[in-house]
Amino acid sequence: MATLFSVKHAKQAHCRTCGKKLKKSVQYIEFGPDRHRGFYIEGDDPDAFPKTREEAQRQTNQQIVHFKWGGPKHDRRIVRISIWDGETYQGGYFCTTQCAVDFAFLLAEKGHQTVKHRDSTAYQRIEQET
């Protein structure tokens, strides 16, 4: 789902329509001189890449949820980490755009409306009463 926004929740968030767990809103940090490259090759400065999860953790104050190894077999290094702030989830309240649309239809069918909709249809109610 293309995430339009993220929302902070104190507990694991679930979709308001289908009940699925919402995905964590993560950010990626890549290490090394060519951070856009996302891998480590011989000749790169090995000190620019953490060797352990603990070394990578010292470079961020957020929770590491995933990390990617790279480099030659004899000298594996962490080239990228995924971090999460512990409370932000993708999509806000829904796992997909379709679930958000379905939720809107359910509310509309039950007679719920926004203040703007109520105000814009007020003249129709007045005409019906007269």
N, C-alpha and C. Protein backbone atom coordinates (compact mmCIF):
# COMPACT_ATOMS: atom_id res chain seq x y z
N MET A 1 0.85 -1.18 0.00
CA MET A 1 0.00 0.00 0.00
C MET A 1 0.89 1.24 0.00
N ALA A 2 0.55 2.16 -0.81
CA ALA A 2 1.25 3.43 -0.78
C ALA A 2 0.81 4.16 0.48
N THR A 3 1.75 4.40 1.36
CA THR A 3 1.41 5.01 2.64
C THR A 3 1.28 6.52 2.48
N LEU A 4 0.12 7.02 2.79
CA LEU A 4 -0.11 8.45 2.73
C LEU A 4 0.37 9.14 3.99
N PHE A 5 0.30 8.43 5.10
CA PHE A 5 0.71 9.00 6.37
C PHE A 5 0.98 7.88 7.36
N SER A 6 1.65 8.22 8.43
CA SER A 6 1.90 7.29 9.52
C SER A 6 1.32 7.89 10.79
N VAL A 7 0.92 7.02 11.70
CA VAL A 7 0.32 7.47 12.95
C VAL A 7 0.99 6.74 14.10
N LYS A 8 1.18 7.45 15.21
CA LYS A 8 1.77 6.85 16.40
C LYS A 8 0.68 6.20 17.24
N HIS A 9 0.94 4.99 17.68
CA HIS A 9 0.02 4.25 18.55
C HIS A 9 0.82 3.72 19.73
N ALA A 10 0.24 3.72 20.90
CA ALA A 10 0.93 3.23 22.10
C ALA A 10 1.11 1.71 22.07
N LYS A 11 0.18 1.00 21.43
CA LYS A 11 0.23 -0.47 21.33
C LYS A 11 0.22 -0.86 19.86
N GLN A 12 0.44 -2.15 19.59
CA GLN A 12 0.37 -2.66 18.22
C GLN A 12 -0.96 -2.25 17.61
N ALA A 13 -0.90 -1.57 16.47
CA ALA A 13 -2.10 -1.09 15.80
C ALA A 13 -2.65 -2.16 14.85
N HIS A 14 -3.97 -2.19 14.73
CA HIS A 14 -4.65 -3.12 13.83
C HIS A 14 -5.57 -2.34 12.90
N CYS A 15 -5.79 -2.90 11.72
CA CYS A 15 -6.68 -2.29 10.73
C CYS A 15 -8.08 -2.19 11.31
N ARG A 16 -8.72 -1.03 11.14
CA ARG A 16 -10.07 -0.82 11.68
C ARG A 16 -11.13 -1.60 10.92
N THR A 17 -10.78 -2.09 9.72
CA THR A 17 -11.75 -2.84 8.93
C THR A 17 -11.58 -4.34 9.06
N CYS A 18 -10.37 -4.84 8.78
CA CYS A 18 -10.18 -6.30 8.73
C CYS A 18 -9.45 -6.86 9.94
N GLY A 19 -8.85 -6.01 10.77
CA GLY A 19 -8.19 -6.48 11.98
C GLY A 19 -6.74 -6.91 11.84
N LYS A 20 -6.18 -6.83 10.62
CA LYS A 20 -4.78 -7.21 10.44
C LYS A 20 -3.87 -6.24 11.18
N LYS A 21 -2.70 -6.74 11.60
CA LYS A 21 -1.72 -5.87 12.23
C LYS A 21 -1.18 -4.89 11.19
N LEU A 22 -1.04 -3.63 11.58
CA LEU A 22 -0.45 -2.64 10.68
C LEU A 22 1.06 -2.81 10.68
N LYS A 23 1.68 -2.47 9.55
CA LYS A 23 3.13 -2.59 9.43
C LYS A 23 3.82 -1.44 10.14
N LYS A 24 4.98 -1.74 10.68
CA LYS A 24 5.78 -0.71 11.34
C LYS A 24 6.28 0.27 10.28
N SER A 25 6.32 1.53 10.63
CA SER A 25 6.86 2.54 9.74
C SER A 25 8.36 2.64 10.02
N VAL A 26 9.16 2.04 9.14
CA VAL A 26 10.60 1.96 9.37
C VAL A 26 11.35 2.92 8.46
N GLN A 27 12.55 3.26 8.89
CA GLN A 27 13.48 4.04 8.09
C GLN A 27 14.72 3.19 7.88
N TYR A 28 15.42 3.45 6.80
CA TYR A 28 16.62 2.67 6.48
C TYR A 28 17.85 3.54 6.63
N ILE A 29 18.89 2.95 7.21
CA ILE A 29 20.18 3.63 7.32
C ILE A 29 21.21 2.72 6.66
N GLU A 30 21.93 3.27 5.69
CA GLU A 30 22.99 2.51 5.03
C GLU A 30 24.33 3.04 5.49
N PHE A 31 25.30 2.15 5.55
CA PHE A 31 26.63 2.50 6.04
C PHE A 31 27.63 2.53 4.89
N GLY A 32 28.75 3.20 5.15
CA GLY A 32 29.85 3.20 4.19
C GLY A 32 29.91 4.46 3.36
N PRO A 33 30.95 4.56 2.52
CA PRO A 33 31.18 5.77 1.74
C PRO A 33 30.11 6.01 0.66
N ASP A 34 29.63 4.94 0.04
CA ASP A 34 28.59 5.07 -0.99
C ASP A 34 27.30 4.52 -0.42
N ARG A 35 26.66 5.28 0.42
CA ARG A 35 25.50 4.79 1.16
C ARG A 35 24.35 4.38 0.25
N HIS A 36 24.25 5.01 -0.91
CA HIS A 36 23.18 4.65 -1.84
C HIS A 36 23.41 3.28 -2.46
N ARG A 37 24.64 2.80 -2.37
CA ARG A 37 25.00 1.54 -3.00
C ARG A 37 24.43 0.35 -2.25
N GLY A 38 24.45 0.37 -0.91
CA GLY A 38 23.83 -0.67 -0.11
C GLY A 38 24.59 -1.97 -0.03
N PHE A 39 25.89 -1.96 -0.35
CA PHE A 39 26.68 -3.17 -0.16
C PHE A 39 28.13 -2.80 0.13
N TYR A 40 28.91 -3.79 0.55
CA TYR A 40 30.29 -3.60 0.97
C TYR A 40 31.19 -4.49 0.13
N ILE A 41 32.22 -3.92 -0.48
CA ILE A 41 33.15 -4.71 -1.28
C ILE A 41 34.57 -4.48 -0.77
N GLU A 42 35.46 -5.38 -1.13
CA GLU A 42 36.85 -5.21 -0.71
C GLU A 42 37.36 -3.89 -1.28
N GLY A 43 38.15 -3.20 -0.50
CA GLY A 43 38.64 -1.88 -0.90
C GLY A 43 37.91 -0.77 -0.17
N ASP A 44 36.70 -1.05 0.29
CA ASP A 44 35.98 -0.07 1.12
C ASP A 44 36.64 -0.02 2.49
N ASP A 45 36.50 1.11 3.15
CA ASP A 45 37.02 1.24 4.51
C ASP A 45 36.16 0.40 5.44
N PRO A 46 36.70 -0.68 6.01
CA PRO A 46 35.89 -1.56 6.84
C PRO A 46 35.37 -0.89 8.11
N ASP A 47 36.06 0.14 8.58
CA ASP A 47 35.62 0.82 9.80
C ASP A 47 34.33 1.60 9.60
N ALA A 48 33.96 1.84 8.34
CA ALA A 48 32.72 2.57 8.05
C ALA A 48 31.49 1.67 8.18
N PHE A 49 31.72 0.36 8.34
CA PHE A 49 30.63 -0.61 8.43
C PHE A 49 30.68 -1.31 9.78
N PRO A 50 29.58 -1.35 10.51
CA PRO A 50 29.58 -2.07 11.80
C PRO A 50 29.70 -3.58 11.58
N LYS A 51 30.38 -4.24 12.54
CA LYS A 51 30.54 -5.69 12.47
C LYS A 51 29.42 -6.43 13.20
N THR A 52 28.84 -5.78 14.18
CA THR A 52 27.81 -6.44 14.99
C THR A 52 26.57 -5.55 15.10
N ARG A 53 25.49 -6.17 15.51
CA ARG A 53 24.25 -5.43 15.74
C ARG A 53 24.46 -4.37 16.82
N GLU A 54 25.25 -4.70 17.84
CA GLU A 54 25.51 -3.75 18.93
C GLU A 54 26.25 -2.52 18.42
N GLU A 55 27.22 -2.71 17.52
CA GLU A 55 27.92 -1.56 16.94
C GLU A 55 26.95 -0.68 16.15
N ALA A 56 26.07 -1.31 15.40
CA ALA A 56 25.08 -0.55 14.62
C ALA A 56 24.11 0.17 15.56
N GLN A 57 23.74 -0.48 16.66
CA GLN A 57 22.80 0.10 17.61
C GLN A 57 23.36 1.38 18.22
N ARG A 58 24.68 1.43 18.42
CA ARG A 58 25.29 2.63 19.00
C ARG A 58 25.15 3.85 18.09
N GLN A 59 24.89 3.62 16.82
CA GLN A 59 24.78 4.73 15.87
C GLN A 59 23.36 5.26 15.74
N THR A 60 22.42 4.66 16.45
CA THR A 60 21.03 5.13 16.41
C THR A 60 20.41 4.97 17.79
N ASN A 61 19.43 5.78 18.09
CA ASN A 61 18.76 5.63 19.39
C ASN A 61 17.38 5.00 19.21
N GLN A 62 17.17 4.36 18.06
CA GLN A 62 15.90 3.70 17.81
C GLN A 62 16.09 2.19 17.71
N GLN A 63 15.00 1.47 17.72
CA GLN A 63 15.03 0.02 17.71
C GLN A 63 15.39 -0.49 16.31
N ILE A 64 16.38 -1.38 16.23
CA ILE A 64 16.73 -2.02 14.96
C ILE A 64 15.81 -3.22 14.78
N VAL A 65 15.06 -3.22 13.68
CA VAL A 65 14.14 -4.33 13.43
C VAL A 65 14.68 -5.31 12.40
N HIS A 66 15.67 -4.89 11.61
CA HIS A 66 16.26 -5.77 10.60
C HIS A 66 17.61 -5.20 10.20
N PHE A 67 18.52 -6.07 9.80
CA PHE A 67 19.77 -5.59 9.24
C PHE A 67 20.22 -6.50 8.11
N LYS A 68 21.03 -5.94 7.20
CA LYS A 68 21.49 -6.65 6.01
C LYS A 68 23.00 -6.76 6.04
N TRP A 69 23.48 -7.98 5.83
CA TRP A 69 24.92 -8.22 5.79
C TRP A 69 25.44 -8.04 4.38
N GLY A 70 26.72 -7.69 4.27
CA GLY A 70 27.37 -7.58 2.97
C GLY A 70 28.86 -7.79 3.10
N GLY A 71 29.53 -7.87 1.98
CA GLY A 71 30.98 -8.00 1.97
C GLY A 71 31.45 -9.41 1.68
N PRO A 72 32.76 -9.55 1.56
CA PRO A 72 33.32 -10.88 1.30
C PRO A 72 33.08 -11.81 2.48
N LYS A 73 33.06 -13.12 2.23
CA LYS A 73 32.73 -14.10 3.27
C LYS A 73 33.65 -14.02 4.47
N HIS A 74 34.90 -13.67 4.27
CA HIS A 74 35.85 -13.62 5.39
C HIS A 74 35.73 -12.35 6.22
N ASP A 75 34.95 -11.38 5.76
CA ASP A 75 34.83 -10.11 6.48
C ASP A 75 33.42 -9.53 6.31
N ARG A 76 32.42 -10.22 6.85
CA ARG A 76 31.04 -9.76 6.72
C ARG A 76 30.81 -8.51 7.58
N ARG A 77 30.08 -7.56 7.03
CA ARG A 77 29.75 -6.32 7.73
C ARG A 77 28.27 -6.01 7.55
N ILE A 78 27.74 -5.18 8.45
CA ILE A 78 26.36 -4.73 8.30
C ILE A 78 26.37 -3.53 7.36
N VAL A 79 25.60 -3.63 6.28
CA VAL A 79 25.59 -2.56 5.29
C VAL A 79 24.33 -1.69 5.38
N ARG A 80 23.27 -2.25 5.99
CA ARG A 80 22.02 -1.48 6.10
C ARG A 80 21.22 -1.98 7.29
N ILE A 81 20.59 -1.03 7.99
CA ILE A 81 19.69 -1.40 9.09
C ILE A 81 18.32 -0.75 8.85
N SER A 82 17.30 -1.40 9.36
CA SER A 82 15.95 -0.84 9.38
C SER A 82 15.65 -0.48 10.82
N ILE A 83 15.27 0.77 11.05
CA ILE A 83 15.00 1.21 12.42
C ILE A 83 13.54 1.62 12.56
N TRP A 84 13.03 1.48 13.79
CA TRP A 84 11.64 1.82 14.10
C TRP A 84 11.63 2.58 15.42
N ASP A 85 10.81 3.62 15.51
CA ASP A 85 10.76 4.44 16.72
C ASP A 85 9.95 3.81 17.85
N GLY A 86 9.35 2.66 17.60
CA GLY A 86 8.61 1.95 18.64
C GLY A 86 7.14 2.29 18.74
N GLU A 87 6.66 3.21 17.91
CA GLU A 87 5.25 3.59 18.03
C GLU A 87 4.58 4.04 16.73
N THR A 88 5.30 4.18 15.63
CA THR A 88 4.70 4.67 14.40
C THR A 88 4.41 3.52 13.44
N TYR A 89 3.17 3.50 12.92
CA TYR A 89 2.72 2.45 12.01
C TYR A 89 2.29 3.05 10.68
N GLN A 90 2.47 2.29 9.60
CA GLN A 90 2.09 2.74 8.26
C GLN A 90 0.57 2.77 8.11
N GLY A 91 0.10 3.73 7.35
CA GLY A 91 -1.31 3.75 6.99
C GLY A 91 -2.25 4.35 8.01
N GLY A 92 -1.75 4.65 9.18
CA GLY A 92 -2.59 5.27 10.19
C GLY A 92 -3.53 4.32 10.88
N TYR A 93 -4.63 3.98 10.21
CA TYR A 93 -5.66 3.14 10.82
C TYR A 93 -6.07 1.96 9.95
N PHE A 94 -5.54 1.89 8.73
CA PHE A 94 -5.95 0.86 7.79
C PHE A 94 -4.74 0.20 7.13
N CYS A 95 -4.87 -1.10 6.81
CA CYS A 95 -3.75 -1.81 6.20
C CYS A 95 -3.66 -1.54 4.70
N THR A 96 -4.77 -1.24 4.07
CA THR A 96 -4.77 -0.93 2.63
C THR A 96 -5.75 0.20 2.37
N THR A 97 -5.62 0.79 1.20
CA THR A 97 -6.56 1.83 0.80
C THR A 97 -7.96 1.24 0.66
N GLN A 98 -8.04 0.00 0.18
CA GLN A 98 -9.35 -0.64 0.03
C GLN A 98 -10.05 -0.79 1.38
N CYS A 99 -9.30 -1.13 2.42
CA CYS A 99 -9.90 -1.24 3.75
C CYS A 99 -10.43 0.12 4.22
N ALA A 100 -9.72 1.20 3.90
CA ALA A 100 -10.18 2.54 4.27
C ALA A 100 -11.47 2.88 3.54
N VAL A 101 -11.54 2.54 2.26
CA VAL A 101 -12.76 2.79 1.48
C VAL A 101 -13.92 1.96 2.02
N ASP A 102 -13.67 0.69 2.30
CA ASP A 102 -14.72 -0.18 2.85
C ASP A 102 -15.26 0.37 4.16
N PHE A 103 -14.36 0.87 5.00
CA PHE A 103 -14.76 1.44 6.29
C PHE A 103 -15.65 2.66 6.08
N ALA A 104 -15.28 3.51 5.11
CA ALA A 104 -16.07 4.70 4.82
C ALA A 104 -17.48 4.32 4.36
N PHE A 105 -17.58 3.29 3.50
CA PHE A 105 -18.90 2.85 3.05
C PHE A 105 -19.73 2.30 4.20
N LEU A 106 -19.10 1.55 5.09
CA LEU A 106 -19.83 1.01 6.25
C LEU A 106 -20.42 2.14 7.09
N LEU A 107 -19.62 3.16 7.34
CA LEU A 107 -20.11 4.29 8.15
C LEU A 107 -21.22 5.05 7.43
N ALA A 108 -21.05 5.27 6.12
CA ALA A 108 -22.07 6.00 5.37
C ALA A 108 -23.39 5.23 5.35
N GLU A 109 -23.30 3.91 5.19
CA GLU A 109 -24.52 3.09 5.17
C GLU A 109 -25.25 3.12 6.51
N LYS A 110 -24.52 3.32 7.59
CA LYS A 110 -25.13 3.39 8.93
C LYS A 110 -25.66 4.79 9.24
N GLY A 111 -25.49 5.73 8.29
CA GLY A 111 -26.02 7.07 8.49
C GLY A 111 -25.04 8.08 9.07
N HIS A 112 -23.80 7.68 9.26
CA HIS A 112 -22.80 8.63 9.78
C HIS A 112 -22.43 9.63 8.68
N GLN A 113 -22.13 10.85 9.09
CA GLN A 113 -21.74 11.88 8.13
C GLN A 113 -20.80 12.87 8.78
N THR A 114 -20.10 13.60 7.95
CA THR A 114 -19.22 14.64 8.46
C THR A 114 -20.03 15.91 8.71
N VAL A 115 -19.47 16.82 9.45
CA VAL A 115 -20.14 18.10 9.72
C VAL A 115 -20.34 18.85 8.41
N LYS A 116 -19.35 18.82 7.53
CA LYS A 116 -19.48 19.54 6.25
C LYS A 116 -20.63 18.96 5.42
N HIS A 117 -20.75 17.65 5.40
CA HIS A 117 -21.85 17.04 4.65
C HIS A 117 -23.19 17.43 5.26
N ARG A 118 -23.28 17.38 6.56
CA ARG A 118 -24.52 17.76 7.25
C ARG A 118 -24.91 19.20 6.92
N ASP A 119 -23.92 20.10 6.99
CA ASP A 119 -24.19 21.52 6.72
C ASP A 119 -24.58 21.75 5.26
N SER A 120 -23.95 21.01 4.35
CA SER A 120 -24.23 21.23 2.93
C SER A 120 -25.60 20.69 2.52
N THR A 121 -26.14 19.77 3.30
CA THR A 121 -27.48 19.23 2.98
C THR A 121 -28.56 19.81 3.88
N ALA A 122 -28.23 20.77 4.70
CA ALA A 122 -29.21 21.37 5.63
C ALA A 122 -30.35 22.03 4.88
N TYR A 123 -30.07 22.69 3.75
CA TYR A 123 -31.12 23.37 3.00
C TYR A 123 -32.14 22.36 2.46
N GLN A 124 -31.70 21.13 2.16
CA GLN A 124 -32.63 20.10 1.68
C GLN A 124 -33.61 19.70 2.78
N ARG A 125 -33.12 19.61 4.00
CA ARG A 125 -33.99 19.27 5.12
C ARG A 125 -35.01 20.37 5.37
N ILE A 126 -34.58 21.62 5.24
CA ILE A 126 -35.48 22.77 5.45
C ILE A 126 -36.58 22.76 4.40
N GLU A 127 -36.22 22.50 3.13
CA GLU A 127 -37.22 22.47 2.05
C GLU A 127 -38.23 21.35 2.27
N GLN A 128 -37.77 20.21 2.78
CA GLN A 128 -38.67 19.08 3.00
C GLN A 128 -39.66 19.37 4.13
N GLU A 129 -39.23 20.14 5.11
CA GLU A 129 -40.10 20.45 6.25
C GLU A 129 -41.19 21.44 5.88
N THR A 130 -40.95 22.24 4.85
CA THR A 130 -41.95 23.26 4.48
C THR A 130 -42.92 22.78 3.44
